[in-house]
Amino acid sequence: MIVFTVINIVLFLFWLLLIGRIIVEFIRTFARDWQPTGLVVIVLEAIFTVTDPPVKFLRKIIPPLNLGGVRLDLSIMVLLFVVFIAWNVTSGLAA
């Protein structure tokens, strides 16, 4: 039981980091001149360091979707969905 609780907490924290990454990528998309400074740089570096390996792996498998002049990256959404499902499964096992 304790193992599933620990896995559940880790998956939840990873899910929060993915949400943070999505928010940061939206900010960078719409405010191209935004340059983070100070503590924000350290936090963003931690977020991208943790989330980059699985996102890059999925980007090799799932190509971006071309919608006219826009390329939609589905890999981070798929990863978010998979982590959410795994988080719900482990929360059921931890209870």
PDB file of N, CA and C in Angstrom:
ATOM      1  N   MET A   1       0.808  -1.197   0.000  1.00  0.00           N
ATOM      2  CA  MET A   1       0.000   0.000   0.000  1.00  0.00           C
ATOM      3  C   MET A   1       0.856   1.268   0.000  1.00  0.00           C
ATOM      4  N   ILE A   2       1.917   1.266   0.785  1.00  0.00           N
ATOM      5  CA  ILE A   2       2.752   2.460   0.867  1.00  0.00           C
ATOM      6  C   ILE A   2       3.456   2.724  -0.460  1.00  0.00           C
ATOM      7  N   VAL A   3       3.774   1.655  -1.187  1.00  0.00           N
ATOM      8  CA  VAL A   3       4.438   1.813  -2.486  1.00  0.00           C
ATOM      9  C   VAL A   3       3.516   2.535  -3.454  1.00  0.00           C
ATOM     10  N   PHE A   4       2.245   2.141  -3.476  1.00  0.00           N
ATOM     11  CA  PHE A   4       1.289   2.794  -4.368  1.00  0.00           C
ATOM     12  C   PHE A   4       1.037   4.240  -3.956  1.00  0.00           C
ATOM     13  N   THR A   5       1.090   4.508  -2.663  1.00  0.00           N
ATOM     14  CA  THR A   5       0.925   5.882  -2.194  1.00  0.00           C
ATOM     15  C   THR A   5       2.085   6.750  -2.663  1.00  0.00           C
ATOM     16  N   VAL A   6       3.302   6.241  -2.565  1.00  0.00           N
ATOM     17  CA  VAL A   6       4.480   6.991  -3.025  1.00  0.00           C
ATOM     18  C   VAL A   6       4.420   7.207  -4.533  1.00  0.00           C
ATOM     19  N   ILE A   7       4.068   6.151  -5.282  1.00  0.00           N
ATOM     20  CA  ILE A   7       3.943   6.288  -6.739  1.00  0.00           C
ATOM     21  C   ILE A   7       2.856   7.295  -7.083  1.00  0.00           C
ATOM     22  N   ASN A   8       1.760   7.271  -6.333  1.00  0.00           N
ATOM     23  CA  ASN A   8       0.666   8.207  -6.547  1.00  0.00           C
ATOM     24  C   ASN A   8       1.128   9.647  -6.344  1.00  0.00           C
ATOM     25  N   ILE A   9       1.894   9.894  -5.306  1.00  0.00           N
ATOM     26  CA  ILE A   9       2.399  11.242  -5.035  1.00  0.00           C
ATOM     27  C   ILE A   9       3.366  11.685  -6.126  1.00  0.00           C
ATOM     28  N   VAL A  10       4.253  10.790  -6.550  1.00  0.00           N
ATOM     29  CA  VAL A  10       5.217  11.121  -7.609  1.00  0.00           C
ATOM     30  C   VAL A  10       4.495  11.438  -8.915  1.00  0.00           C
ATOM     31  N   LEU A  11       3.497  10.639  -9.263  1.00  0.00           N
ATOM     32  CA  LEU A  11       2.735  10.897 -10.492  1.00  0.00           C
ATOM     33  C   LEU A  11       1.974  12.215 -10.408  1.00  0.00           C
ATOM     34  N   PHE A  12       1.420  12.517  -9.237  1.00  0.00           N
ATOM     35  CA  PHE A  12       0.717  13.785  -9.066  1.00  0.00           C
ATOM     36  C   PHE A  12       1.667  14.966  -9.231  1.00  0.00           C
ATOM     37  N   LEU A  13       2.852  14.880  -8.628  1.00  0.00           N
ATOM     38  CA  LEU A  13       3.832  15.962  -8.763  1.00  0.00           C
ATOM     39  C   LEU A  13       4.299  16.104 -10.209  1.00  0.00           C
ATOM     40  N   PHE A  14       4.496  14.986 -10.902  1.00  0.00           N
ATOM     41  CA  PHE A  14       4.885  15.039 -12.309  1.00  0.00           C
ATOM     42  C   PHE A  14       3.772  15.649 -13.151  1.00  0.00           C
ATOM     43  N   TRP A  15       2.526  15.318 -12.823  1.00  0.00           N
ATOM     44  CA  TRP A  15       1.374  15.892 -13.524  1.00  0.00           C
ATOM     45  C   TRP A  15       1.342  17.411 -13.332  1.00  0.00           C
ATOM     46  N   LEU A  16       1.614  17.872 -12.113  1.00  0.00           N
ATOM     47  CA  LEU A  16       1.671  19.317 -11.856  1.00  0.00           C
ATOM     48  C   LEU A  16       2.796  19.976 -12.648  1.00  0.00           C
ATOM     49  N   LEU A  17       3.944  19.309 -12.746  1.00  0.00           N
ATOM     50  CA  LEU A  17       5.051  19.847 -13.536  1.00  0.00           C
ATOM     51  C   LEU A  17       4.682  19.932 -15.015  1.00  0.00           C
ATOM     52  N   LEU A  18       3.944  18.948 -15.520  1.00  0.00           N
ATOM     53  CA  LEU A  18       3.497  19.003 -16.915  1.00  0.00           C
ATOM     54  C   LEU A  18       2.527  20.162 -17.141  1.00  0.00           C
ATOM     55  N   ILE A  19       1.628  20.381 -16.203  1.00  0.00           N
ATOM     56  CA  ILE A  19       0.713  21.526 -16.304  1.00  0.00           C
ATOM     57  C   ILE A  19       1.516  22.821 -16.297  1.00  0.00           C
ATOM     58  N   GLY A  20       2.515  22.909 -15.421  1.00  0.00           N
ATOM     59  CA  GLY A  20       3.381  24.088 -15.394  1.00  0.00           C
ATOM     60  C   GLY A  20       4.115  24.280 -16.703  1.00  0.00           C
ATOM     61  N   ARG A  21       4.587  23.199 -17.297  1.00  0.00           N
ATOM     62  CA  ARG A  21       5.284  23.292 -18.584  1.00  0.00           C
ATOM     63  C   ARG A  21       4.349  23.797 -19.677  1.00  0.00           C
ATOM     64  N   ILE A  22       3.117  23.299 -19.696  1.00  0.00           N
ATOM     65  CA  ILE A  22       2.146  23.757 -20.693  1.00  0.00           C
ATOM     66  C   ILE A  22       1.881  25.247 -20.532  1.00  0.00           C
ATOM     67  N   ILE A  23       1.732  25.702 -19.301  1.00  0.00           N
ATOM     68  CA  ILE A  23       1.494  27.128 -19.052  1.00  0.00           C
ATOM     69  C   ILE A  23       2.680  27.956 -19.525  1.00  0.00           C
ATOM     70  N   VAL A  24       3.893  27.516 -19.211  1.00  0.00           N
ATOM     71  CA  VAL A  24       5.094  28.250 -19.628  1.00  0.00           C
ATOM     72  C   VAL A  24       5.207  28.287 -21.147  1.00  0.00           C
ATOM     73  N   GLU A  25       4.894  27.181 -21.813  1.00  0.00           N
ATOM     74  CA  GLU A  25       4.972  27.169 -23.273  1.00  0.00           C
ATOM     75  C   GLU A  25       3.928  28.086 -23.897  1.00  0.00           C
ATOM     76  N   PHE A  26       2.743  28.182 -23.287  1.00  0.00           N
ATOM     77  CA  PHE A  26       1.749  29.138 -23.779  1.00  0.00           C
ATOM     78  C   PHE A  26       2.235  30.569 -23.588  1.00  0.00           C
ATOM     79  N   ILE A  27       2.830  30.851 -22.443  1.00  0.00           N
ATOM     80  CA  ILE A  27       3.357  32.197 -22.198  1.00  0.00           C
ATOM     81  C   ILE A  27       4.432  32.530 -23.215  1.00  0.00           C
ATOM     82  N   ARG A  28       5.334  31.589 -23.468  1.00  0.00           N
ATOM     83  CA  ARG A  28       6.404  31.839 -24.445  1.00  0.00           C
ATOM     84  C   ARG A  28       5.859  31.994 -25.856  1.00  0.00           C
ATOM     85  N   THR A  29       4.747  31.339 -26.163  1.00  0.00           N
ATOM     86  CA  THR A  29       4.148  31.452 -27.490  1.00  0.00           C
ATOM     87  C   THR A  29       3.519  32.821 -27.697  1.00  0.00           C
ATOM     88  N   PHE A  30       2.800  33.313 -26.700  1.00  0.00           N
ATOM     89  CA  PHE A  30       2.057  34.556 -26.865  1.00  0.00           C
ATOM     90  C   PHE A  30       2.842  35.794 -26.458  1.00  0.00           C
ATOM     91  N   ALA A  31       3.858  35.649 -25.630  1.00  0.00           N
ATOM     92  CA  ALA A  31       4.704  36.777 -25.238  1.00  0.00           C
ATOM     93  C   ALA A  31       6.139  36.428 -25.612  1.00  0.00           C
ATOM     94  N   ARG A  32       6.444  36.571 -26.882  1.00  0.00           N
ATOM     95  CA  ARG A  32       7.745  36.133 -27.402  1.00  0.00           C
ATOM     96  C   ARG A  32       8.927  36.893 -26.797  1.00  0.00           C
ATOM     97  N   ASP A  33       8.703  38.094 -26.307  1.00  0.00           N
ATOM     98  CA  ASP A  33       9.803  38.872 -25.738  1.00  0.00           C
ATOM     99  C   ASP A  33       9.973  38.628 -24.235  1.00  0.00           C
ATOM    100  N   TRP A  34       9.210  37.698 -23.660  1.00  0.00           N
ATOM    101  CA  TRP A  34       9.303  37.414 -22.233  1.00  0.00           C
ATOM    102  C   TRP A  34      10.604  36.691 -21.929  1.00  0.00           C
ATOM    103  N   GLN A  35      11.374  37.236 -21.018  1.00  0.00           N
ATOM    104  CA  GLN A  35      12.626  36.630 -20.573  1.00  0.00           C
ATOM    105  C   GLN A  35      12.563  36.460 -19.055  1.00  0.00           C
ATOM    106  N   PRO A  36      12.425  35.231 -18.562  1.00  0.00           N
ATOM    107  CA  PRO A  36      12.369  35.032 -17.115  1.00  0.00           C
ATOM    108  C   PRO A  36      13.708  35.372 -16.463  1.00  0.00           C
ATOM    109  N   THR A  37      13.638  35.847 -15.236  1.00  0.00           N
ATOM    110  CA  THR A  37      14.852  36.202 -14.499  1.00  0.00           C
ATOM    111  C   THR A  37      14.755  35.680 -13.065  1.00  0.00           C
ATOM    112  N   GLY A  38      15.899  35.609 -12.430  1.00  0.00           N
ATOM    113  CA  GLY A  38      15.965  35.270 -11.014  1.00  0.00           C
ATOM    114  C   GLY A  38      15.492  33.865 -10.688  1.00  0.00           C
ATOM    115  N   LEU A  39      14.651  33.775  -9.676  1.00  0.00           N
ATOM    116  CA  LEU A  39      14.147  32.496  -9.193  1.00  0.00           C
ATOM    117  C   LEU A  39      13.290  31.785 -10.239  1.00  0.00           C
ATOM    118  N   VAL A  40      12.623  32.554 -11.092  1.00  0.00           N
ATOM    119  CA  VAL A  40      11.775  31.964 -12.133  1.00  0.00           C
ATOM    120  C   VAL A  40      12.608  31.104 -13.076  1.00  0.00           C
ATOM    121  N   VAL A  41      13.824  31.547 -13.392  1.00  0.00           N
ATOM    122  CA  VAL A  41      14.705  30.771 -14.273  1.00  0.00           C
ATOM    123  C   VAL A  41      15.041  29.425 -13.639  1.00  0.00           C
ATOM    124  N   ILE A  42      15.306  29.421 -12.358  1.00  0.00           N
ATOM    125  CA  ILE A  42      15.654  28.183 -11.657  1.00  0.00           C
ATOM    126  C   ILE A  42      14.464  27.226 -11.638  1.00  0.00           C
ATOM    127  N   VAL A  43      13.279  27.751 -11.362  1.00  0.00           N
ATOM    128  CA  VAL A  43      12.073  26.919 -11.336  1.00  0.00           C
ATOM    129  C   VAL A  43      11.782  26.353 -12.722  1.00  0.00           C
ATOM    130  N   LEU A  44      11.892  27.187 -13.753  1.00  0.00           N
ATOM    131  CA  LEU A  44      11.634  26.725 -15.117  1.00  0.00           C
ATOM    132  C   LEU A  44      12.664  25.696 -15.563  1.00  0.00           C
ATOM    133  N   GLU A  45      13.906  25.881 -15.167  1.00  0.00           N
ATOM    134  CA  GLU A  45      14.943  24.899 -15.504  1.00  0.00           C
ATOM    135  C   GLU A  45      14.625  23.549 -14.864  1.00  0.00           C
ATOM    136  N   ALA A  46      14.153  23.571 -13.628  1.00  0.00           N
ATOM    137  CA  ALA A  46      13.776  22.324 -12.958  1.00  0.00           C
ATOM    138  C   ALA A  46      12.592  21.661 -13.662  1.00  0.00           C
ATOM    139  N   ILE A  47      11.600  22.454 -14.029  1.00  0.00           N
ATOM    140  CA  ILE A  47      10.422  21.909 -14.722  1.00  0.00           C
ATOM    141  C   ILE A  47      10.828  21.261 -16.036  1.00  0.00           C
ATOM    142  N   PHE A  48      11.627  21.967 -16.838  1.00  0.00           N
ATOM    143  CA  PHE A  48      12.006  21.442 -18.144  1.00  0.00           C
ATOM    144  C   PHE A  48      12.982  20.264 -18.025  1.00  0.00           C
ATOM    145  N   THR A  49      13.835  20.260 -17.008  1.00  0.00           N
ATOM    146  CA  THR A  49      14.760  19.143 -16.814  1.00  0.00           C
ATOM    147  C   THR A  49      14.006  17.854 -16.488  1.00  0.00           C
ATOM    148  N   VAL A  50      12.974  17.959 -15.690  1.00  0.00           N
ATOM    149  CA  VAL A  50      12.211  16.773 -15.297  1.00  0.00           C
ATOM    150  C   VAL A  50      11.292  16.298 -16.422  1.00  0.00           C
ATOM    151  N   THR A  51      10.674  17.233 -17.133  1.00  0.00           N
ATOM    152  CA  THR A  51       9.663  16.838 -18.124  1.00  0.00           C
ATOM    153  C   THR A  51      10.220  16.620 -19.525  1.00  0.00           C
ATOM    154  N   ASP A  52      11.422  17.084 -19.817  1.00  0.00           N
ATOM    155  CA  ASP A  52      11.969  16.960 -21.174  1.00  0.00           C
ATOM    156  C   ASP A  52      12.166  15.518 -21.661  1.00  0.00           C
ATOM    157  N   PRO A  53      12.776  14.617 -20.889  1.00  0.00           N
ATOM    158  CA  PRO A  53      13.012  13.267 -21.434  1.00  0.00           C
ATOM    159  C   PRO A  53      11.752  12.543 -21.923  1.00  0.00           C
ATOM    160  N   PRO A  54      10.665  12.483 -21.131  1.00  0.00           N
ATOM    161  CA  PRO A  54       9.491  11.788 -21.672  1.00  0.00           C
ATOM    162  C   PRO A  54       8.827  12.530 -22.830  1.00  0.00           C
ATOM    163  N   VAL A  55       8.844  13.864 -22.796  1.00  0.00           N
ATOM    164  CA  VAL A  55       8.237  14.637 -23.889  1.00  0.00           C
ATOM    165  C   VAL A  55       9.028  14.434 -25.175  1.00  0.00           C
ATOM    166  N   LYS A  56      10.352  14.475 -25.091  1.00  0.00           N
ATOM    167  CA  LYS A  56      11.176  14.267 -26.289  1.00  0.00           C
ATOM    168  C   LYS A  56      11.017  12.852 -26.830  1.00  0.00           C
ATOM    169  N   PHE A  57      10.884  11.873 -25.943  1.00  0.00           N
ATOM    170  CA  PHE A  57      10.669  10.497 -26.389  1.00  0.00           C
ATOM    171  C   PHE A  57       9.357  10.375 -27.163  1.00  0.00           C
ATOM    172  N   LEU A  58       8.296  10.982 -26.632  1.00  0.00           N
ATOM    173  CA  LEU A  58       7.005  10.909 -27.319  1.00  0.00           C
ATOM    174  C   LEU A  58       6.992  11.720 -28.607  1.00  0.00           C
ATOM    175  N   ARG A  59       7.777  12.785 -28.672  1.00  0.00           N
ATOM    176  CA  ARG A  59       7.848  13.570 -29.910  1.00  0.00           C
ATOM    177  C   ARG A  59       8.456  12.762 -31.051  1.00  0.00           C
ATOM    178  N   LYS A  60       9.329  11.811 -30.722  1.00  0.00           N
ATOM    179  CA  LYS A  60       9.892  10.934 -31.754  1.00  0.00           C
ATOM    180  C   LYS A  60       8.832   9.980 -32.292  1.00  0.00           C
ATOM    181  N   ILE A  61       7.908   9.573 -31.428  1.00  0.00           N
ATOM    182  CA  ILE A  61       6.880   8.608 -31.806  1.00  0.00           C
ATOM    183  C   ILE A  61       5.665   9.293 -32.435  1.00  0.00           C
ATOM    184  N   ILE A  62       5.232  10.410 -31.840  1.00  0.00           N
ATOM    185  CA  ILE A  62       4.022  11.108 -32.289  1.00  0.00           C
ATOM    186  C   ILE A  62       4.433  12.397 -32.991  1.00  0.00           C
ATOM    187  N   PRO A  63       4.291  12.470 -34.305  1.00  0.00           N
ATOM    188  CA  PRO A  63       4.669  13.695 -35.013  1.00  0.00           C
ATOM    189  C   PRO A  63       3.660  14.818 -34.751  1.00  0.00           C
ATOM    190  N   PRO A  64       4.099  16.076 -34.872  1.00  0.00           N
ATOM    191  CA  PRO A  64       3.161  17.194 -34.701  1.00  0.00           C
ATOM    192  C   PRO A  64       2.088  17.177 -35.785  1.00  0.00           C
ATOM    193  N   LEU A  65       0.923  17.658 -35.432  1.00  0.00           N
ATOM    194  CA  LEU A  65      -0.209  17.711 -36.347  1.00  0.00           C
ATOM    195  C   LEU A  65      -0.191  19.056 -37.061  1.00  0.00           C
ATOM    196  N   ASN A  66      -0.129  19.042 -38.390  1.00  0.00           N
ATOM    197  CA  ASN A  66      -0.119  20.278 -39.169  1.00  0.00           C
ATOM    198  C   ASN A  66      -1.547  20.722 -39.446  1.00  0.00           C
ATOM    199  N   LEU A  67      -1.878  21.904 -38.972  1.00  0.00           N
ATOM    200  CA  LEU A  67      -3.193  22.494 -39.202  1.00  0.00           C
ATOM    201  C   LEU A  67      -2.999  23.830 -39.901  1.00  0.00           C
ATOM    202  N   GLY A  68      -2.864  23.794 -41.200  1.00  0.00           N
ATOM    203  CA  GLY A  68      -2.591  25.023 -41.938  1.00  0.00           C
ATOM    204  C   GLY A  68      -1.200  25.519 -41.615  1.00  0.00           C
ATOM    205  N   GLY A  69      -1.112  26.718 -41.061  1.00  0.00           N
ATOM    206  CA  GLY A  69       0.176  27.291 -40.696  1.00  0.00           C
ATOM    207  C   GLY A  69       0.579  27.000 -39.266  1.00  0.00           C
ATOM    208  N   VAL A  70      -0.200  26.189 -38.578  1.00  0.00           N
ATOM    209  CA  VAL A  70       0.050  25.907 -37.165  1.00  0.00           C
ATOM    210  C   VAL A  70       0.414  24.433 -37.008  1.00  0.00           C
ATOM    211  N   ARG A  71       1.442  24.176 -36.196  1.00  0.00           N
ATOM    212  CA  ARG A  71       1.817  22.795 -35.869  1.00  0.00           C
ATOM    213  C   ARG A  71       1.439  22.535 -34.414  1.00  0.00           C
ATOM    214  N   LEU A  72       0.583  21.560 -34.211  1.00  0.00           N
ATOM    215  CA  LEU A  72       0.100  21.220 -32.879  1.00  0.00           C
ATOM    216  C   LEU A  72       0.863  20.004 -32.359  1.00  0.00           C
ATOM    217  N   ASP A  73       1.576  20.197 -31.254  1.00  0.00           N
ATOM    218  CA  ASP A  73       2.356  19.119 -30.648  1.00  0.00           C
ATOM    219  C   ASP A  73       1.450  18.309 -29.723  1.00  0.00           C
ATOM    220  N   LEU A  74       1.155  17.101 -30.119  1.00  0.00           N
ATOM    221  CA  LEU A  74       0.254  16.247 -29.349  1.00  0.00           C
ATOM    222  C   LEU A  74       0.973  15.439 -28.276  1.00  0.00           C
ATOM    223  N   SER A  75       2.295  15.390 -28.328  1.00  0.00           N
ATOM    224  CA  SER A  75       3.038  14.518 -27.418  1.00  0.00           C
ATOM    225  C   SER A  75       2.835  14.903 -25.956  1.00  0.00           C
ATOM    226  N   ILE A  76       2.848  16.182 -25.645  1.00  0.00           N
ATOM    227  CA  ILE A  76       2.697  16.585 -24.246  1.00  0.00           C
ATOM    228  C   ILE A  76       1.271  16.328 -23.759  1.00  0.00           C
ATOM    229  N   MET A  77       0.293  16.440 -24.660  1.00  0.00           N
ATOM    230  CA  MET A  77      -1.090  16.142 -24.270  1.00  0.00           C
ATOM    231  C   MET A  77      -1.284  14.647 -24.024  1.00  0.00           C
ATOM    232  N   VAL A  78      -0.656  13.824 -24.855  1.00  0.00           N
ATOM    233  CA  VAL A  78      -0.730  12.371 -24.665  1.00  0.00           C
ATOM    234  C   VAL A  78      -0.059  11.990 -23.348  1.00  0.00           C
ATOM    235  N   LEU A  79       1.104  12.575 -23.075  1.00  0.00           N
ATOM    236  CA  LEU A  79       1.807  12.293 -21.824  1.00  0.00           C
ATOM    237  C   LEU A  79       0.976  12.733 -20.621  1.00  0.00           C
ATOM    238  N   LEU A  80       0.354  13.888 -20.712  1.00  0.00           N
ATOM    239  CA  LEU A  80      -0.497  14.383 -19.634  1.00  0.00           C
ATOM    240  C   LEU A  80      -1.653  13.413 -19.383  1.00  0.00           C
ATOM    241  N   PHE A  81      -2.254  12.913 -20.447  1.00  0.00           N
ATOM    242  CA  PHE A  81      -3.363  11.967 -20.333  1.00  0.00           C
ATOM    243  C   PHE A  81      -2.900  10.644 -19.720  1.00  0.00           C
ATOM    244  N   VAL A  82      -1.760  10.134 -20.163  1.00  0.00           N
ATOM    245  CA  VAL A  82      -1.236   8.863 -19.642  1.00  0.00           C
ATOM    246  C   VAL A  82      -0.890   8.988 -18.161  1.00  0.00           C
ATOM    247  N   VAL A  83      -0.253  10.095 -17.786  1.00  0.00           N
ATOM    248  CA  VAL A  83       0.096  10.304 -16.373  1.00  0.00           C
ATOM    249  C   VAL A  83      -1.170  10.428 -15.532  1.00  0.00           C
ATOM    250  N   PHE A  84      -2.177  11.109 -16.059  1.00  0.00           N
ATOM    251  CA  PHE A  84      -3.436  11.261 -15.329  1.00  0.00           C
ATOM    252  C   PHE A  84      -4.109   9.905 -15.107  1.00  0.00           C
ATOM    253  N   ILE A  85      -4.126   9.068 -16.137  1.00  0.00           N
ATOM    254  CA  ILE A  85      -4.720   7.731 -16.005  1.00  0.00           C
ATOM    255  C   ILE A  85      -3.930   6.899 -14.988  1.00  0.00           C
ATOM    256  N   ALA A  86      -2.597   6.924 -15.088  1.00  0.00           N
ATOM    257  CA  ALA A  86      -1.763   6.168 -14.145  1.00  0.00           C
ATOM    258  C   ALA A  86      -1.943   6.679 -12.719  1.00  0.00           C
ATOM    259  N   TRP A  87      -2.088   7.979 -12.579  1.00  0.00           N
ATOM    260  CA  TRP A  87      -2.300   8.589 -11.262  1.00  0.00           C
ATOM    261  C   TRP A  87      -3.623   8.104 -10.665  1.00  0.00           C
ATOM    262  N   ASN A  88      -4.676   8.064 -11.474  1.00  0.00           N
ATOM    263  CA  ASN A  88      -5.971   7.582 -10.981  1.00  0.00           C
ATOM    264  C   ASN A  88      -5.935   6.096 -10.634  1.00  0.00           C
ATOM    265  N   VAL A  89      -5.233   5.307 -11.423  1.00  0.00           N
ATOM    266  CA  VAL A  89      -5.120   3.873 -11.136  1.00  0.00           C
ATOM    267  C   VAL A  89      -4.381   3.658  -9.820  1.00  0.00           C
ATOM    268  N   THR A  90      -3.264   4.355  -9.636  1.00  0.00           N
ATOM    269  CA  THR A  90      -2.497   4.167  -8.395  1.00  0.00           C
ATOM    270  C   THR A  90      -3.229   4.728  -7.182  1.00  0.00           C
ATOM    271  N   SER A  91      -4.034   5.762  -7.380  1.00  0.00           N
ATOM    272  CA  SER A  91      -4.794   6.271  -6.233  1.00  0.00           C
ATOM    273  C   SER A  91      -5.851   5.261  -5.808  1.00  0.00           C
ATOM    274  N   GLY A  92      -6.408   4.526  -6.775  1.00  0.00           N
ATOM    275  CA  GLY A  92      -7.341   3.459  -6.423  1.00  0.00           C
ATOM    276  C   GLY A  92      -6.651   2.304  -5.720  1.00  0.00           C
ATOM    277  N   LEU A  93      -5.428   1.992  -6.128  1.00  0.00           N
ATOM    278  CA  LEU A  93      -4.678   0.905  -5.494  1.00  0.00           C
ATOM    279  C   LEU A  93      -4.136   1.305  -4.128  1.00  0.00           C
ATOM    280  N   ALA A  94      -3.883   2.601  -3.940  1.00  0.00           N
ATOM    281  CA  ALA A  94      -3.327   3.070  -2.670  1.00  0.00           C
ATOM    282  C   ALA A  94      -4.393   3.156  -1.584  1.00  0.00           C
ATOM    283  N   ALA A  95      -5.648   3.232  -1.982  1.00  0.00           N
ATOM    284  CA  ALA A  95      -6.724   3.397  -0.990  1.00  0.00           C
ATOM    285  C   ALA A  95      -7.044   2.118  -0.254  1.00  0.00           C
TER     286      ALA A  95
END
